[in-house]
Amino acid sequence: MTSVLVVDDHVLIRAGLAALIAAAPGLTVVGEASNGREAIALSEEHHPDVVLMDIRMPDMDGVAATRHLLGPKSPHHLCLLGICLP
């Protein structure tokens, strides 16, 4: 089972993504965060296999949170997917 952490400041987007992921065979949602700080805390708590991270968020954006998660001692790998909405 692949564990996923969903991070987005828009609650409807976050909930929709989490619902789609939870319905997919072999995937489980281990947490939802609304900003980078929450993402870091939940990632340290749950050690997800995948973090689906928004870029533009209040408090701490996705770029800063990703830098933290991919620090020098991190076992994580990075895959980026960019979606730009007007």
Protein backbone atom coordinates (compact mmCIF):
# COMPACT_ATOMS: atom_id res chain seq x y z
CA MET A 1 0.00 0.00 0.00
CA THR A 2 1.41 3.40 -1.01
CA SER A 3 0.81 6.14 1.55
CA VAL A 4 0.06 9.69 0.36
CA LEU A 5 0.06 13.06 2.13
CA VAL A 6 -2.10 15.69 0.37
CA VAL A 7 -1.09 19.35 0.83
CA ASP A 8 -3.16 22.26 -0.53
CA ASP A 9 -4.54 25.42 1.04
CA HIS A 10 -7.86 25.15 -0.83
CA VAL A 11 -10.04 22.79 1.18
CA LEU A 12 -12.17 21.68 -1.80
CA ILE A 13 -9.11 20.81 -3.90
CA ARG A 14 -7.47 19.02 -0.96
CA ALA A 15 -10.62 17.06 -0.11
CA GLY A 16 -11.25 16.14 -3.74
CA LEU A 17 -7.70 14.89 -4.28
CA ALA A 18 -7.81 12.96 -1.01
CA ALA A 19 -11.11 11.32 -2.02
CA LEU A 20 -9.77 10.32 -5.44
CA ILE A 21 -6.59 8.90 -3.93
CA ALA A 22 -8.46 7.03 -1.18
CA ALA A 23 -10.69 5.41 -3.82
CA ALA A 24 -7.73 4.16 -5.85
CA PRO A 25 -6.58 0.59 -5.21
CA GLY A 26 -3.19 0.40 -3.53
CA LEU A 27 -3.23 3.99 -2.27
CA THR A 28 -4.09 5.34 1.16
CA VAL A 29 -4.22 8.93 2.41
CA VAL A 30 -2.26 9.28 5.66
CA GLY A 31 -2.92 12.98 6.13
CA GLU A 32 -4.04 16.32 4.75
CA ALA A 33 -2.29 19.64 5.32
CA SER A 34 -3.22 23.21 4.41
CA ASN A 35 0.30 24.70 4.38
CA GLY A 36 3.97 23.77 4.33
CA ARG A 37 4.43 23.77 8.09
CA GLU A 38 1.59 21.30 8.56
CA ALA A 39 3.02 19.19 5.71
CA ILE A 40 6.40 18.95 7.43
CA ALA A 41 4.82 17.96 10.75
CA LEU A 42 2.57 15.33 9.16
CA SER A 43 5.40 14.00 7.02
CA GLU A 44 7.61 13.55 10.08
CA GLU A 45 4.73 11.82 11.88
CA HIS A 46 3.50 9.51 9.09
CA HIS A 47 6.53 9.11 6.75
CA PRO A 48 4.39 9.01 3.57
CA ASP A 49 5.66 7.39 0.39
CA VAL A 50 4.32 10.33 -1.67
CA VAL A 51 3.66 13.98 -0.80
CA LEU A 52 1.32 15.72 -3.23
CA MET A 53 2.29 19.36 -2.56
CA ASP A 54 0.77 22.63 -3.77
CA ILE A 55 3.29 25.39 -4.49
CA ARG A 56 1.48 28.59 -3.53
CA MET A 57 0.19 28.43 0.05
CA PRO A 58 0.11 30.81 3.02
CA ASP A 59 2.42 30.53 6.05
CA MET A 60 4.99 28.31 4.29
CA ASP A 61 4.80 27.62 0.57
CA GLY A 62 5.33 24.26 -1.09
CA VAL A 63 8.81 25.14 -2.36
CA ALA A 64 10.12 25.89 1.15
CA ALA A 65 8.42 22.81 2.60
CA THR A 66 9.86 20.61 -0.16
CA ARG A 67 13.35 22.02 0.48
CA HIS A 68 12.94 21.10 4.15
CA LEU A 69 11.67 17.58 3.36
CA LEU A 70 14.54 17.05 0.92
CA GLY A 71 17.24 18.26 3.31
CA PRO A 72 20.80 16.87 3.22
CA LYS A 73 19.96 13.75 5.28
CA SER A 74 16.67 13.01 3.55
CA PRO A 75 15.99 9.55 2.11
CA HIS A 76 13.30 11.11 -0.14
CA HIS A 77 13.35 11.51 -3.90
CA LEU A 78 11.72 14.34 -5.83
CA CYS A 79 9.31 14.21 -8.74
CA LEU A 80 7.75 17.48 -9.86
CA LEU A 81 4.47 17.95 -11.69
CA GLY A 82 3.49 21.47 -12.59
CA ILE A 83 -0.06 22.56 -13.22
CA CYS A 84 -0.74 26.23 -13.79
CA LEU A 85 -4.27 27.55 -13.47
CA PRO A 86 -5.16 31.12 -14.47
